[in-house]
Amino acid sequence: MAPSQRGKTSGVSASSFLDLQAEIAKHEADFAKNKAAGQTALVGGVKRPDKKPTVWTRHNKGVQGRASRDVELEAISKPTLDAARAILERKAQVYEKLSKGKSGGLTDKQVDTLLVNFDSKLDNYESDSDDVDESLTVPKPPVNDDDLIIEYEDEFGRMRTGRKSEIPRNLLPRDPNEEPDDDYECVI
């Protein structure tokens, strides 16, 4: 500094300068201590307004009202669902009894009005304990002479054998004595 400026700064003494350095050192020590403890807080600065909330952070309008209506509807429909389930379970039990040949708790008049003929279903009903391995039985040829085994040519030109009842009509061999049908041209 130039000697002329020294006279102007004469109000600052060495002791006040040391006091300022002590205050700065004290604040720096406090700041380092708080930073190590995770308690950093910026003091001062300009408070900026909060940003406008994005579309993803905004709450859905009316969601609380819809949720409360859903809870009310669930409370109303729960008893009706339970009643329907009980009715269906009872019907399933009656059906099971009827399919096994029992009365199922129905009168003869009610059984007559049923759309399902449980008497014919009873003939077809077999329990699992009656299962027999069908591969152990040797199949017997049918004694019906009306259904002959014949040889025919399939659509690919291969020679096949099979029962006459199982062969498609268009592949049946033609009888040479049979007259051809001319009626098929007239059919519309």
Protein backbone atom coordinates (compact mmCIF):
# COMPACT_ATOMS: atom_id res chain seq x y z
CA MET A 1 0.00 0.00 0.00
CA ALA A 2 1.01 3.47 -0.63
CA PRO A 3 1.80 5.70 2.36
CA SER A 4 -1.12 7.99 1.52
CA GLN A 5 -3.73 5.19 1.89
CA ARG A 6 -2.31 4.05 5.21
CA GLY A 7 -3.65 7.03 6.96
CA LYS A 8 -7.18 6.38 5.73
CA THR A 9 -7.24 2.77 6.98
CA SER A 10 -5.89 3.65 10.35
CA GLY A 11 -9.31 2.87 11.97
CA VAL A 12 -8.60 -0.86 11.59
CA SER A 13 -6.29 -2.12 14.25
CA ALA A 14 -4.42 -5.37 14.42
CA SER A 15 -6.59 -6.59 17.30
CA SER A 16 -9.85 -6.08 15.35
CA PHE A 17 -8.30 -7.92 12.40
CA LEU A 18 -7.40 -10.85 14.70
CA ASP A 19 -10.95 -10.83 16.13
CA LEU A 20 -12.36 -11.10 12.58
CA GLN A 21 -10.06 -14.02 11.78
CA ALA A 22 -11.13 -15.77 15.02
CA GLU A 23 -14.83 -15.37 14.13
CA ILE A 24 -14.24 -16.75 10.62
CA ALA A 25 -12.30 -19.72 12.02
CA LYS A 26 -15.10 -20.38 14.53
CA HIS A 27 -17.78 -20.38 11.80
CA GLU A 28 -15.65 -22.62 9.55
CA ALA A 29 -15.21 -25.12 12.40
CA ASP A 30 -18.96 -25.13 13.12
CA PHE A 31 -19.72 -25.63 9.40
CA ALA A 32 -17.26 -28.55 9.12
CA LYS A 33 -18.72 -30.14 12.27
CA ASN A 34 -22.32 -29.84 11.00
CA LYS A 35 -21.32 -31.13 7.57
CA ALA A 36 -19.72 -34.21 9.12
CA ALA A 37 -22.88 -34.80 11.18
CA GLY A 38 -25.09 -34.44 8.07
CA GLN A 39 -26.79 -31.30 9.29
CA THR A 40 -25.84 -28.98 6.50
CA ALA A 41 -28.33 -26.23 6.02
CA LEU A 42 -27.78 -23.33 3.78
CA VAL A 43 -28.50 -20.13 5.50
CA GLY A 44 -29.58 -17.23 3.42
CA GLY A 45 -29.96 -17.28 -0.31
CA VAL A 46 -32.98 -16.40 -2.33
CA LYS A 47 -36.14 -18.47 -1.83
CA ARG A 48 -37.27 -19.60 -5.23
CA PRO A 49 -40.88 -20.53 -5.89
CA ASP A 50 -41.67 -24.25 -6.10
CA LYS A 51 -41.80 -25.72 -9.54
CA LYS A 52 -45.17 -26.46 -11.09
CA PRO A 53 -46.11 -30.07 -10.31
CA THR A 54 -45.75 -32.43 -13.25
CA VAL A 55 -48.56 -34.48 -14.72
CA TRP A 56 -47.24 -37.55 -12.93
CA THR A 57 -47.27 -35.97 -9.46
CA ARG A 58 -50.78 -34.49 -9.66
CA HIS A 59 -53.55 -36.41 -7.97
CA ASN A 60 -56.32 -37.92 -10.05
CA LYS A 61 -59.55 -35.94 -9.80
CA GLY A 62 -62.43 -37.82 -8.19
CA VAL A 63 -60.42 -40.90 -7.29
CA GLN A 64 -61.51 -40.78 -3.65
CA GLY A 65 -65.19 -40.58 -4.64
CA ARG A 66 -64.88 -43.51 -7.01
CA ALA A 67 -63.07 -45.58 -4.40
CA SER A 68 -65.78 -44.93 -1.81
CA ARG A 69 -68.52 -45.87 -4.32
CA ASP A 70 -66.66 -49.09 -5.12
CA VAL A 71 -66.50 -49.99 -1.43
CA GLU A 72 -70.25 -49.33 -1.07
CA LEU A 73 -71.08 -51.45 -4.13
CA GLU A 74 -68.85 -54.25 -2.87
CA ALA A 75 -70.62 -54.18 0.49
CA ILE A 76 -73.99 -54.41 -1.27
CA SER A 77 -73.03 -57.09 -3.78
CA LYS A 78 -71.19 -59.33 -1.30
CA PRO A 79 -74.38 -60.78 0.25
CA THR A 80 -75.94 -61.36 -3.16
CA LEU A 81 -72.80 -63.12 -4.36
CA ASP A 82 -72.75 -65.30 -1.27
CA ALA A 83 -76.42 -66.19 -1.75
CA ALA A 84 -75.84 -67.04 -5.43
CA ARG A 85 -72.85 -69.21 -4.51
CA ALA A 86 -74.92 -71.12 -1.93
CA ILE A 87 -77.71 -71.70 -4.48
CA LEU A 88 -75.25 -72.92 -7.12
CA GLU A 89 -73.54 -75.27 -4.64
CA ARG A 90 -76.93 -76.76 -3.72
CA LYS A 91 -77.78 -77.22 -7.40
CA ALA A 92 -74.45 -78.95 -7.98
CA GLN A 93 -75.16 -81.35 -5.11
CA VAL A 94 -78.64 -82.13 -6.49
CA TYR A 95 -77.20 -82.68 -9.98
CA GLU A 96 -74.54 -85.02 -8.61
CA LYS A 97 -77.16 -87.06 -6.74
CA LEU A 98 -79.43 -87.23 -9.79
CA SER A 99 -76.59 -88.31 -12.06
CA LYS A 100 -75.81 -91.17 -9.63
CA GLY A 101 -79.45 -92.33 -9.69
CA LYS A 102 -80.58 -90.91 -6.37
CA SER A 103 -83.64 -88.70 -5.92
CA GLY A 104 -81.66 -85.56 -5.06
CA GLY A 105 -84.51 -84.33 -2.86
CA LEU A 106 -86.82 -83.71 -5.84
CA THR A 107 -90.37 -84.98 -6.22
CA ASP A 108 -91.40 -87.16 -9.18
CA LYS A 109 -93.21 -84.20 -10.72
CA GLN A 110 -90.07 -82.05 -10.50
CA VAL A 111 -87.97 -84.84 -12.01
CA ASP A 112 -90.43 -85.14 -14.92
CA THR A 113 -90.09 -81.42 -15.69
CA LEU A 114 -86.29 -81.59 -15.89
CA LEU A 115 -84.78 -81.01 -19.32
CA VAL A 116 -82.06 -83.62 -18.73
CA ASN A 117 -82.96 -87.31 -18.83
CA PHE A 118 -80.99 -88.59 -15.87
CA ASP A 119 -82.24 -92.16 -16.39
CA SER A 120 -80.33 -92.45 -19.67
CA LYS A 121 -77.34 -90.72 -18.11
CA LEU A 122 -77.42 -93.31 -15.34
CA ASP A 123 -76.69 -96.06 -17.86
CA ASN A 124 -73.59 -94.22 -19.02
CA TYR A 125 -72.39 -93.39 -15.50
CA GLU A 126 -69.46 -95.44 -14.33
CA SER A 127 -67.47 -94.88 -11.21
CA ASP A 128 -63.71 -94.68 -11.33
CA SER A 129 -63.41 -97.99 -9.50
CA ASP A 130 -65.03 -99.80 -12.44
CA ASP A 131 -62.31 -98.78 -14.89
CA VAL A 132 -60.92 -101.74 -16.80
CA ASP A 133 -57.89 -101.72 -19.02
CA GLU A 134 -59.37 -102.19 -22.49
CA SER A 135 -56.04 -103.23 -23.97
CA LEU A 136 -56.26 -106.53 -22.03
CA THR A 137 -59.38 -107.64 -23.93
CA VAL A 138 -59.06 -109.03 -27.44
CA PRO A 139 -61.54 -107.39 -29.82
CA LYS A 140 -64.02 -109.76 -31.40
CA PRO A 141 -65.00 -109.34 -35.04
CA PRO A 142 -68.61 -108.25 -35.40
CA VAL A 143 -71.09 -110.88 -36.50
CA ASN A 144 -73.06 -108.40 -38.62
CA ASP A 145 -72.73 -109.65 -42.21
CA ASP A 146 -74.40 -106.54 -43.64
CA ASP A 147 -71.28 -104.43 -43.00
CA LEU A 148 -68.72 -106.14 -45.23
CA ILE A 149 -65.03 -105.41 -45.34
CA ILE A 150 -64.23 -104.19 -48.84
CA GLU A 151 -61.19 -102.91 -50.68
CA TYR A 152 -61.31 -99.40 -52.17
CA GLU A 153 -59.04 -96.77 -53.69
CA ASP A 154 -58.66 -93.56 -51.66
CA GLU A 155 -58.28 -90.02 -53.00
CA PHE A 156 -54.49 -90.45 -53.28
CA GLY A 157 -54.71 -93.62 -55.36
CA ARG A 158 -53.79 -96.00 -52.54
CA MET A 159 -55.59 -99.30 -52.09
CA ARG A 160 -57.27 -99.52 -48.67
CA THR A 161 -59.51 -101.95 -46.84
CA GLY A 162 -62.27 -101.05 -44.43
CA ARG A 163 -65.87 -101.60 -43.44
CA LYS A 164 -68.39 -100.45 -46.01
CA SER A 165 -70.10 -98.23 -43.43
CA GLU A 166 -66.83 -96.39 -42.68
CA ILE A 167 -65.89 -95.58 -46.29
CA PRO A 168 -66.97 -92.20 -47.70
CA ARG A 169 -69.65 -92.53 -50.39
CA ASN A 170 -67.58 -90.89 -53.10
CA LEU A 171 -64.86 -93.52 -52.61
CA LEU A 172 -67.12 -96.59 -52.66
CA PRO A 173 -66.40 -98.83 -55.65
CA ARG A 174 -69.04 -98.61 -58.38
CA ASP A 175 -71.08 -101.68 -59.21
CA PRO A 176 -70.70 -102.37 -62.94
CA ASN A 177 -74.37 -103.47 -63.16
CA GLU A 178 -75.61 -100.22 -61.58
CA GLU A 179 -76.95 -97.55 -63.91
CA PRO A 180 -75.37 -94.09 -63.54
CA ASP A 181 -77.52 -91.41 -61.95
CA ASP A 182 -78.37 -88.57 -64.28
CA ASP A 183 -80.36 -86.83 -61.56
CA TYR A 184 -77.33 -85.13 -60.01
CA GLU A 185 -77.19 -82.57 -62.82
CA CYS A 186 -80.72 -81.37 -62.01
CA VAL A 187 -80.08 -80.70 -58.36
CA ILE A 188 -79.66 -77.03 -57.60
